[in-house]
Amino acid sequence: MKDTLKKPSLAEYAWEFLGSYGLACVLLAFQGMLGAWLATRMRRDDEKVPSLLWIAQLAISFYGGYFGAGIGIMMLAAMGILLTASLQHANALKIVFSLLTNGISAVYFVWTGTAALPQAALMAAAGFVGGYAGAHLAQRLPTRIMRAVVVTYGLVVAIVLFRKG
């Protein structure tokens, strides 16, 4: 089963990362304007999640299960535009959905024998610590600063990887 997965080159990773991160960063940066524009064109019910968000989350989860890079920013962008909740609330949801996406993917890769277990264990531990610390930090940051930090980080990482590729 290990031979069925093609290992992408660094250049392919760079293009994938730049496209996903770049688009997600732009959407997150303009989330307020896009959300307001969308609110005038679709009916919003505060008690229900828009079906477009379910579709976006499903697509992000499939992408994230295989590639993983940028799913947090993609989720924040989608939730920020399609939900009326605060960015901090969207970040909490993002952490839960990222955990589910990555957990299901990890089970699949372990089950099929394609996971490098020592590296995967280290990444899982770092992910838990980062998710926990990030959630606490995000609760304390004003929305505008949190958005600026996430967008800046995403664009810097995308550019660095693109230049390496």
Protein backbone atom coordinates (compact mmCIF):
# COMPACT_ATOMS: atom_id res chain seq x y z
CA MET A 1 0.00 0.00 0.00
CA LYS A 2 2.94 2.35 0.60
CA ASP A 3 3.81 2.51 -3.10
CA THR A 4 0.39 3.87 -4.13
CA LEU A 5 1.02 7.42 -2.83
CA LYS A 6 3.17 9.72 -4.94
CA LYS A 7 5.48 11.96 -2.92
CA PRO A 8 5.16 15.56 -4.18
CA SER A 9 8.28 17.58 -4.83
CA LEU A 10 9.13 20.70 -2.80
CA ALA A 11 8.10 22.81 -5.80
CA GLU A 12 4.68 21.13 -5.90
CA TYR A 13 4.29 21.73 -2.17
CA ALA A 14 5.27 25.36 -2.62
CA TRP A 15 2.69 26.00 -5.34
CA GLU A 16 -0.02 24.16 -3.40
CA PHE A 17 0.83 26.02 -0.23
CA LEU A 18 1.04 29.40 -1.93
CA GLY A 19 -2.32 28.91 -3.61
CA SER A 20 -4.15 27.64 -0.55
CA TYR A 21 -2.54 29.93 1.99
CA GLY A 22 -2.54 32.94 -0.29
CA LEU A 23 -6.22 32.66 -1.14
CA ALA A 24 -7.19 31.93 2.45
CA CYS A 25 -5.16 34.91 3.70
CA VAL A 26 -6.79 37.26 1.20
CA LEU A 27 -10.25 35.98 2.15
CA LEU A 28 -9.47 36.37 5.85
CA ALA A 29 -8.04 39.85 5.34
CA PHE A 30 -11.23 40.99 3.59
CA GLN A 31 -13.55 38.87 5.72
CA GLY A 32 -15.54 41.84 7.04
CA MET A 33 -16.30 43.25 3.60
CA LEU A 34 -16.99 39.82 2.08
CA GLY A 35 -19.23 38.81 4.98
CA ALA A 36 -21.22 42.06 4.73
CA TRP A 37 -21.56 41.69 0.95
CA LEU A 38 -22.67 38.08 1.32
CA ALA A 39 -25.14 38.98 4.08
CA THR A 40 -27.02 41.22 1.65
CA ARG A 41 -27.31 38.37 -0.84
CA MET A 42 -28.26 35.44 1.34
CA ARG A 43 -30.68 34.94 4.18
CA ARG A 44 -28.91 34.44 7.50
CA ASP A 45 -30.48 32.67 10.43
CA ASP A 46 -28.47 33.09 13.64
CA GLU A 47 -29.51 29.66 14.90
CA LYS A 48 -28.44 27.73 11.81
CA VAL A 49 -25.15 27.22 10.04
CA PRO A 50 -25.31 28.18 6.34
CA SER A 51 -25.18 25.15 4.05
CA LEU A 52 -22.38 26.86 2.12
CA LEU A 53 -20.21 26.63 5.25
CA TRP A 54 -20.89 22.89 5.56
CA ILE A 55 -19.83 22.45 1.93
CA ALA A 56 -16.72 24.62 2.41
CA GLN A 57 -15.79 22.74 5.60
CA LEU A 58 -16.20 19.37 3.86
CA ALA A 59 -13.94 20.48 0.99
CA ILE A 60 -11.36 21.92 3.41
CA SER A 61 -11.43 18.70 5.43
CA PHE A 62 -10.81 16.49 2.39
CA TYR A 63 -7.98 18.79 1.30
CA GLY A 64 -6.62 18.91 4.85
CA GLY A 65 -6.77 15.16 5.27
CA TYR A 66 -4.36 14.71 2.39
CA PHE A 67 -2.22 17.83 2.42
CA GLY A 68 -2.98 19.62 5.70
CA ALA A 69 -1.17 22.89 5.05
CA GLY A 70 -3.27 25.99 5.41
CA ILE A 71 -6.48 24.35 6.64
CA GLY A 72 -6.60 26.51 9.75
CA ILE A 73 -6.51 29.74 7.79
CA MET A 74 -8.95 28.32 5.23
CA MET A 75 -11.38 27.38 8.01
CA LEU A 76 -11.03 30.79 9.67
CA ALA A 77 -11.70 32.52 6.36
CA ALA A 78 -14.78 30.42 5.58
CA MET A 79 -16.22 30.71 9.09
CA GLY A 80 -15.39 34.40 9.34
CA ILE A 81 -17.26 35.14 6.13
CA LEU A 82 -20.21 32.79 6.60
CA LEU A 83 -20.84 32.97 10.36
CA THR A 84 -21.94 35.98 12.39
CA ALA A 85 -19.78 34.83 15.32
CA SER A 86 -16.56 36.54 16.39
CA LEU A 87 -13.18 35.56 14.99
CA GLN A 88 -12.30 34.11 18.40
CA HIS A 89 -15.38 31.85 18.25
CA ALA A 90 -14.46 30.83 14.70
CA ASN A 91 -10.95 30.05 15.94
CA ALA A 92 -12.34 27.74 18.64
CA LEU A 93 -14.41 25.90 16.03
CA LYS A 94 -11.37 25.74 13.75
CA ILE A 95 -9.34 24.02 16.47
CA VAL A 96 -12.02 21.36 16.97
CA PHE A 97 -12.47 20.77 13.23
CA SER A 98 -8.71 20.64 12.66
CA LEU A 99 -8.38 18.07 15.43
CA LEU A 100 -11.12 15.95 13.84
CA THR A 101 -9.71 16.27 10.32
CA ASN A 102 -6.16 15.45 11.38
CA GLY A 103 -7.27 12.72 13.78
CA ILE A 104 -9.31 10.91 11.14
CA SER A 105 -6.45 11.27 8.65
CA ALA A 106 -3.95 9.94 11.19
CA VAL A 107 -6.08 6.87 11.86
CA TYR A 108 -6.35 6.24 8.11
CA PHE A 109 -2.60 6.62 7.49
CA VAL A 110 -1.69 4.41 10.47
CA TRP A 111 -4.25 1.79 9.38
CA THR A 112 -2.88 1.70 5.82
CA GLY A 113 0.73 1.57 7.04
CA THR A 114 1.74 4.80 5.31
CA ALA A 115 2.47 6.80 8.48
CA ALA A 116 6.00 7.32 9.78
CA LEU A 117 5.06 6.74 13.42
CA PRO A 118 7.93 8.50 15.28
CA GLN A 119 7.55 11.64 13.16
CA ALA A 120 3.76 11.47 13.35
CA ALA A 121 3.85 11.19 17.15
CA LEU A 122 6.12 14.24 17.37
CA MET A 123 3.85 16.22 15.04
CA ALA A 124 0.75 15.18 17.01
CA ALA A 125 2.31 16.27 20.30
CA ALA A 126 3.39 19.59 18.81
CA GLY A 127 -0.07 20.05 17.31
CA PHE A 128 -1.76 19.51 20.67
CA VAL A 129 0.57 21.95 22.44
CA GLY A 130 0.24 24.52 19.66
CA GLY A 131 -3.54 24.18 19.52
CA TYR A 132 -3.86 24.58 23.29
CA ALA A 133 -1.48 27.55 23.48
CA GLY A 134 -2.94 29.15 20.35
CA ALA A 135 -6.49 28.91 21.69
CA HIS A 136 -5.52 30.67 24.90
CA LEU A 137 -3.62 33.38 23.07
CA ALA A 138 -6.45 33.93 20.57
CA GLN A 139 -8.92 34.51 23.41
CA ARG A 140 -6.82 37.41 24.66
CA LEU A 141 -6.13 39.14 21.33
CA PRO A 142 -8.46 41.78 19.90
CA THR A 143 -10.08 40.61 16.65
CA ARG A 144 -8.23 43.13 14.46
CA ILE A 145 -4.82 42.15 15.84
CA MET A 146 -5.61 38.42 15.62
CA ARG A 147 -6.63 38.79 11.98
CA ALA A 148 -3.48 40.80 11.18
CA VAL A 149 -1.22 38.24 12.88
CA VAL A 150 -2.84 35.26 11.11
CA VAL A 151 -2.80 36.92 7.68
CA THR A 152 0.79 38.16 8.06
CA TYR A 153 2.00 34.77 9.24
CA GLY A 154 0.22 32.97 6.42
CA LEU A 155 1.58 35.25 3.72
CA VAL A 156 5.15 35.11 5.08
CA VAL A 157 5.09 31.29 5.21
CA ALA A 158 3.61 31.09 1.70
CA ILE A 159 6.25 33.44 0.28
CA VAL A 160 9.15 31.65 2.03
CA LEU A 161 8.00 28.26 0.75
CA PHE A 162 7.38 29.63 -2.72
CA ARG A 163 10.91 31.06 -2.87
CA LYS A 164 12.38 27.71 -1.75
CA GLY A 165 10.36 25.83 -4.40
